[in-house]
Amino acid sequence: MGTGISISEAAAALGVSEKTIRRRIKAGLLQASRVPAAGGFEYRIDSDALARVPSVPSTVKRGHVDQGDGELVTLAAMDMMRAELAEKERQIAELQAERLRMAEQLGYAKAQIQQMQAQMRLLGETRSEPSASEVVQLRQRGVRAWLRRRFRRG
């Protein structure tokens, strides 16, 4: 015997059948560990995990599934996940279209920047900087303000 509660003890504690406990374990609604036993293995359920499981199962109605029936809960969850997946795929397609549009805009902006840089280089080549001796002569004549205005950077 391993540690924890047996399937029959868990069923009695929750007021459900042993088959319901096995289905809940299979569906992942109830955590259990397999321990070696005479003739094979058995499931042992932690008492804390058992306390988190509802003891009164919901009823089965059209479109709604008993929490104890792992197979049906799994199918309902799969339907919900399919709907979510379709929505996510739609969102991905929308984002990909937006990314393509933004890439086109970026390419256009890069071309504009390159064109402006080429124009600035042409403008810079036409402007001649005074030589050092010319700067000294201009300063001696008192035209520092003119130099600041003429060759202002920025």
Protein backbone atom coordinates (compact mmCIF):
# COMPACT_ATOMS: atom_id res chain seq x y z
CA MET A 1 0.00 0.00 0.00
CA GLY A 2 1.28 3.46 -0.95
CA THR A 3 0.67 6.75 0.76
CA GLY A 4 -2.57 8.61 0.10
CA ILE A 5 -6.17 7.59 -0.31
CA SER A 6 -7.34 4.67 -2.45
CA ILE A 7 -9.89 5.08 -5.23
CA SER A 8 -12.62 3.43 -3.17
CA GLU A 9 -11.91 5.73 -0.18
CA ALA A 10 -11.94 8.80 -2.47
CA ALA A 11 -15.25 7.70 -4.02
CA ALA A 12 -16.79 7.29 -0.58
CA ALA A 13 -15.46 10.69 0.53
CA LEU A 14 -16.90 12.46 -2.52
CA GLY A 15 -20.11 10.44 -2.70
CA VAL A 16 -19.47 9.23 -6.25
CA SER A 17 -18.65 5.90 -7.82
CA GLU A 18 -15.17 4.44 -8.21
CA LYS A 19 -15.68 4.66 -11.98
CA THR A 20 -16.25 8.43 -11.67
CA ILE A 21 -13.01 8.77 -9.69
CA ARG A 22 -11.13 6.83 -12.40
CA ARG A 23 -12.65 9.06 -15.11
CA ARG A 24 -11.64 12.19 -13.20
CA ILE A 25 -8.08 10.89 -12.89
CA LYS A 26 -7.99 10.08 -16.62
CA ALA A 27 -9.36 13.55 -17.51
CA GLY A 28 -6.77 15.24 -15.29
CA LEU A 29 -9.43 16.65 -12.95
CA LEU A 30 -8.01 14.70 -10.04
CA GLN A 31 -4.29 14.24 -9.36
CA ALA A 32 -3.24 10.70 -8.48
CA SER A 33 -0.02 8.71 -8.47
CA ARG A 34 0.49 5.13 -9.60
CA VAL A 35 2.14 2.95 -6.99
CA PRO A 36 3.18 -0.70 -7.27
CA ALA A 37 0.73 -3.15 -5.76
CA ALA A 38 0.15 -6.89 -5.75
CA GLY A 39 -0.67 -7.89 -9.32
CA GLY A 40 0.28 -4.55 -10.91
CA PHE A 41 -0.32 -1.02 -9.69
CA GLU A 42 -2.97 1.10 -8.04
CA TYR A 43 -3.77 4.79 -7.91
CA ARG A 44 -3.25 6.72 -4.68
CA ILE A 45 -4.83 10.16 -4.31
CA ASP A 46 -3.41 12.88 -2.10
CA SER A 47 -5.97 14.10 0.44
CA ASP A 48 -5.18 17.75 -0.43
CA ALA A 49 -5.95 17.07 -4.11
CA LEU A 50 -9.19 15.38 -3.07
CA ALA A 51 -10.25 18.45 -1.07
CA ARG A 52 -10.01 20.61 -4.22
CA VAL A 53 -12.44 18.40 -6.20
CA PRO A 54 -16.18 19.19 -6.02
CA SER A 55 -18.10 16.40 -4.33
CA VAL A 56 -21.42 17.02 -6.11
CA PRO A 57 -21.17 16.44 -9.84
CA SER A 58 -23.11 18.69 -12.19
CA THR A 59 -25.97 17.23 -14.20
CA VAL A 60 -25.72 16.32 -17.83
CA LYS A 61 -27.75 18.63 -20.07
CA ARG A 62 -27.60 19.40 -23.77
CA GLY A 63 -24.33 21.24 -24.35
CA HIS A 64 -23.21 20.80 -20.72
CA VAL A 65 -21.24 17.85 -19.37
CA ASP A 66 -20.94 16.20 -15.98
CA GLN A 67 -17.58 17.12 -14.42
CA GLY A 68 -17.07 13.47 -13.52
CA ASP A 69 -17.13 12.30 -17.14
CA GLY A 70 -13.57 13.00 -18.30
CA GLU A 71 -14.19 11.94 -21.91
CA LEU A 72 -17.02 14.42 -22.41
CA VAL A 73 -15.26 17.22 -20.52
CA THR A 74 -12.27 16.70 -22.79
CA LEU A 75 -14.45 16.90 -25.92
CA ALA A 76 -16.16 20.07 -24.71
CA ALA A 77 -12.78 21.59 -23.89
CA MET A 78 -11.52 20.66 -27.36
CA ASP A 79 -14.49 22.41 -28.99
CA MET A 80 -13.79 25.52 -26.94
CA MET A 81 -10.09 25.35 -27.84
CA ARG A 82 -10.94 24.98 -31.55
CA ALA A 83 -13.03 28.15 -31.39
CA GLU A 84 -10.21 29.97 -29.59
CA LEU A 85 -7.70 28.66 -32.14
CA ALA A 86 -9.82 29.96 -35.04
CA GLU A 87 -9.96 33.39 -33.38
CA LYS A 88 -6.19 33.37 -32.78
CA GLU A 89 -5.55 32.38 -36.41
CA ARG A 90 -7.73 35.30 -37.54
CA GLN A 91 -5.77 37.65 -35.27
CA ILE A 92 -2.46 36.28 -36.60
CA ALA A 93 -3.55 36.86 -40.20
CA GLU A 94 -4.58 40.40 -39.29
CA LEU A 95 -1.23 41.05 -37.59
CA GLN A 96 0.70 39.62 -40.54
CA ALA A 97 -1.14 41.97 -42.91
CA GLU A 98 -0.36 44.88 -40.58
CA ARG A 99 3.31 43.84 -40.43
CA LEU A 100 3.50 43.73 -44.23
CA ARG A 101 1.94 47.19 -44.48
CA MET A 102 4.40 48.56 -41.91
CA ALA A 103 7.36 46.93 -43.72
CA GLU A 104 6.30 48.70 -46.91
CA GLN A 105 6.10 52.01 -45.05
CA LEU A 106 9.52 51.40 -43.52
CA GLY A 107 11.03 50.69 -46.92
CA TYR A 108 9.57 53.91 -48.30
CA ALA A 109 10.85 55.89 -45.30
CA LYS A 110 14.36 54.41 -45.71
CA ALA A 111 14.40 55.42 -49.38
CA GLN A 112 13.30 58.95 -48.43
CA ILE A 113 16.06 59.18 -45.81
CA GLN A 114 18.70 58.02 -48.29
CA GLN A 115 17.49 60.58 -50.81
CA MET A 116 17.65 63.37 -48.21
CA GLN A 117 21.12 62.28 -47.09
CA ALA A 118 22.32 62.45 -50.70
CA GLN A 119 20.85 65.95 -51.03
CA MET A 120 22.56 67.03 -47.81
CA ARG A 121 25.90 65.71 -49.06
CA LEU A 122 25.47 67.75 -52.26
CA LEU A 123 24.64 70.85 -50.24
CA GLY A 124 27.65 70.28 -48.00
CA GLU A 125 29.98 69.94 -50.97
CA THR A 126 28.87 73.28 -52.48
CA ARG A 127 29.48 75.20 -49.26
CA SER A 128 33.14 76.09 -48.83
CA GLU A 129 34.73 76.42 -45.41
CA PRO A 130 37.15 79.33 -44.92
CA SER A 131 40.80 78.47 -44.45
CA ALA A 132 42.48 78.99 -41.08
CA SER A 133 44.22 82.20 -42.23
CA GLU A 134 40.90 83.59 -43.50
CA VAL A 135 39.29 82.86 -40.13
CA VAL A 136 42.10 84.74 -38.36
CA GLN A 137 41.70 87.74 -40.68
CA LEU A 138 37.91 87.76 -40.22
CA ARG A 139 38.25 87.61 -36.44
CA GLN A 140 40.73 90.46 -36.54
CA ARG A 141 38.19 92.51 -38.44
CA GLY A 142 35.60 91.89 -35.73
CA VAL A 143 33.17 89.69 -37.59
CA ARG A 144 32.83 86.86 -35.12
CA ALA A 145 29.06 87.25 -35.09
CA TRP A 146 29.04 86.89 -38.85
CA LEU A 147 31.04 83.65 -38.62
CA ARG A 148 28.68 82.27 -36.00
CA ARG A 149 25.65 83.00 -38.19
CA ARG A 150 27.32 81.81 -41.41
CA PHE A 151 28.74 78.51 -40.15
CA ARG A 152 26.29 77.63 -37.38
CA ARG A 153 26.00 73.85 -36.89
CA GLY A 154 22.78 72.09 -36.07
